[in-house]
């Protein structure tokens, strides 16, 4: 897979142990199991149907603000401007 992003998740210890046992039994990585589960939950097929989320994550036609815009708004709010 290209364009992978490293992330951290917190799992209950029994789930952590179970997923590692499952991965070993299936001879696949824990990362692949998590990607498969997330893709299935979000309705992706082969991880390429990102536009299916458009209806779920609709912003009512608004443009998604950039990270710097969000931060600027946050700073202005904190400074009372």
C-alpha atoms as a PDB file:
ATOM      1  CA  UNK A   1       0.000   0.000   0.000  1.00  0.00           C
ATOM      2  CA  UNK A   2       1.224   3.483  -0.746  1.00  0.00           C
ATOM      3  CA  UNK A   3       0.512   6.614   1.243  1.00  0.00           C
ATOM      4  CA  UNK A   4       0.379   4.836   4.574  1.00  0.00           C
ATOM      5  CA  UNK A   5       0.309   6.953   7.733  1.00  0.00           C
ATOM      6  CA  UNK A   6       1.614   5.699  11.057  1.00  0.00           C
ATOM      7  CA  UNK A   7      -0.818   6.110  13.960  1.00  0.00           C
ATOM      8  CA  UNK A   8      -1.293   4.918  17.516  1.00  0.00           C
ATOM      9  CA  UNK A   9      -4.415   3.347  18.978  1.00  0.00           C
ATOM     10  CA  UNK A  10      -5.257   2.198  22.483  1.00  0.00           C
ATOM     11  CA  UNK A  11      -6.757  -1.261  22.857  1.00  0.00           C
ATOM     12  CA  UNK A  12      -7.939  -3.202  25.871  1.00  0.00           C
ATOM     13  CA  UNK A  13      -5.297  -5.796  26.746  1.00  0.00           C
ATOM     14  CA  UNK A  14      -7.530  -8.831  25.898  1.00  0.00           C
ATOM     15  CA  UNK A  15      -8.300  -7.372  22.450  1.00  0.00           C
ATOM     16  CA  UNK A  16      -4.610  -6.609  21.887  1.00  0.00           C
ATOM     17  CA  UNK A  17      -3.717 -10.209  22.728  1.00  0.00           C
ATOM     18  CA  UNK A  18      -6.528 -11.637  20.593  1.00  0.00           C
ATOM     19  CA  UNK A  19      -5.609  -9.607  17.526  1.00  0.00           C
ATOM     20  CA  UNK A  20      -1.983 -10.728  17.776  1.00  0.00           C
ATOM     21  CA  UNK A  21      -3.029 -14.374  18.092  1.00  0.00           C
ATOM     22  CA  UNK A  22      -5.420 -13.992  15.166  1.00  0.00           C
ATOM     23  CA  UNK A  23      -2.721 -12.360  13.034  1.00  0.00           C
ATOM     24  CA  UNK A  24      -0.288 -15.171  13.799  1.00  0.00           C
ATOM     25  CA  UNK A  25      -2.903 -17.812  12.990  1.00  0.00           C
ATOM     26  CA  UNK A  26      -3.774 -16.143   9.666  1.00  0.00           C
ATOM     27  CA  UNK A  27      -0.145 -15.297   8.887  1.00  0.00           C
ATOM     28  CA  UNK A  28      -0.922 -11.606   8.286  1.00  0.00           C
ATOM     29  CA  UNK A  29       0.109  -8.443  10.079  1.00  0.00           C
ATOM     30  CA  UNK A  30      -1.883  -6.764  12.820  1.00  0.00           C
ATOM     31  CA  UNK A  31      -1.809  -3.614  10.676  1.00  0.00           C
ATOM     32  CA  UNK A  32      -3.495  -5.456   7.833  1.00  0.00           C
ATOM     33  CA  UNK A  33      -6.218  -6.749  10.155  1.00  0.00           C
ATOM     34  CA  UNK A  34      -6.900  -3.240  11.423  1.00  0.00           C
ATOM     35  CA  UNK A  35      -6.915  -1.789   7.879  1.00  0.00           C
ATOM     36  CA  UNK A  36      -9.334  -4.521   6.762  1.00  0.00           C
ATOM     37  CA  UNK A  37     -11.659  -3.921   9.711  1.00  0.00           C
ATOM     38  CA  UNK A  38     -11.662  -0.141   9.250  1.00  0.00           C
ATOM     39  CA  UNK A  39     -12.220  -0.447   5.507  1.00  0.00           C
ATOM     40  CA  UNK A  40     -15.130  -2.808   6.074  1.00  0.00           C
ATOM     41  CA  UNK A  41     -16.640  -0.567   8.772  1.00  0.00           C
ATOM     42  CA  UNK A  42     -16.373   2.523   6.565  1.00  0.00           C
ATOM     43  CA  UNK A  43     -17.715   0.705   3.507  1.00  0.00           C
ATOM     44  CA  UNK A  44     -14.537   0.803   1.411  1.00  0.00           C
ATOM     45  CA  UNK A  45     -13.843  -1.763  -1.254  1.00  0.00           C
ATOM     46  CA  UNK A  46     -10.126  -2.355  -1.687  1.00  0.00           C
ATOM     47  CA  UNK A  47      -9.523   0.841   0.280  1.00  0.00           C
ATOM     48  CA  UNK A  48     -10.317   3.028  -2.754  1.00  0.00           C
ATOM     49  CA  UNK A  49     -13.935   4.127  -2.206  1.00  0.00           C
ATOM     50  CA  UNK A  50     -13.148   7.252  -0.222  1.00  0.00           C
ATOM     51  CA  UNK A  51     -15.944   9.167  -1.939  1.00  0.00           C
ATOM     52  CA  UNK A  52     -18.494   6.908  -0.255  1.00  0.00           C
ATOM     53  CA  UNK A  53     -17.808   8.936   2.856  1.00  0.00           C
ATOM     54  CA  UNK A  54     -18.954  12.125   1.132  1.00  0.00           C
ATOM     55  CA  UNK A  55     -22.518  11.650   2.316  1.00  0.00           C
ATOM     56  CA  UNK A  56     -21.419  10.716   5.833  1.00  0.00           C
ATOM     57  CA  UNK A  57     -18.925  13.545   6.227  1.00  0.00           C
ATOM     58  CA  UNK A  58     -20.850  16.211   4.326  1.00  0.00           C
ATOM     59  CA  UNK A  59     -19.955  19.743   5.288  1.00  0.00           C
ATOM     60  CA  UNK A  60     -23.048  21.153   3.544  1.00  0.00           C
ATOM     61  CA  UNK A  61     -20.984  22.437   0.646  1.00  0.00           C
ATOM     62  CA  UNK A  62     -18.445  24.164   2.875  1.00  0.00           C
ATOM     63  CA  UNK A  63     -14.762  23.948   2.044  1.00  0.00           C
ATOM     64  CA  UNK A  64     -12.704  22.007   4.581  1.00  0.00           C
ATOM     65  CA  UNK A  65     -10.437  24.504   6.380  1.00  0.00           C
ATOM     66  CA  UNK A  66      -6.714  23.899   6.317  1.00  0.00           C
ATOM     67  CA  UNK A  67      -4.819  23.009   9.464  1.00  0.00           C
ATOM     68  CA  UNK A  68      -3.261  26.494   9.575  1.00  0.00           C
ATOM     69  CA  UNK A  69      -6.705  28.125   9.294  1.00  0.00           C
ATOM     70  CA  UNK A  70      -8.020  25.998  12.149  1.00  0.00           C
ATOM     71  CA  UNK A  71      -4.994  26.890  14.264  1.00  0.00           C
ATOM     72  CA  UNK A  72      -5.337  30.607  13.463  1.00  0.00           C
ATOM     73  CA  UNK A  73      -8.990  30.528  14.518  1.00  0.00           C
ATOM     74  CA  UNK A  74      -8.038  28.720  17.718  1.00  0.00           C
ATOM     75  CA  UNK A  75      -5.334  31.267  18.581  1.00  0.00           C
ATOM     76  CA  UNK A  76      -7.667  34.211  17.869  1.00  0.00           C
ATOM     77  CA  UNK A  77     -10.325  32.683  20.102  1.00  0.00           C
ATOM     78  CA  UNK A  78      -7.808  32.122  22.910  1.00  0.00           C
ATOM     79  CA  UNK A  79      -6.531  35.688  22.611  1.00  0.00           C
ATOM     80  CA  UNK A  80     -10.072  37.068  22.524  1.00  0.00           C
ATOM     81  CA  UNK A  81      -9.813  38.633  19.058  1.00  0.00           C
END
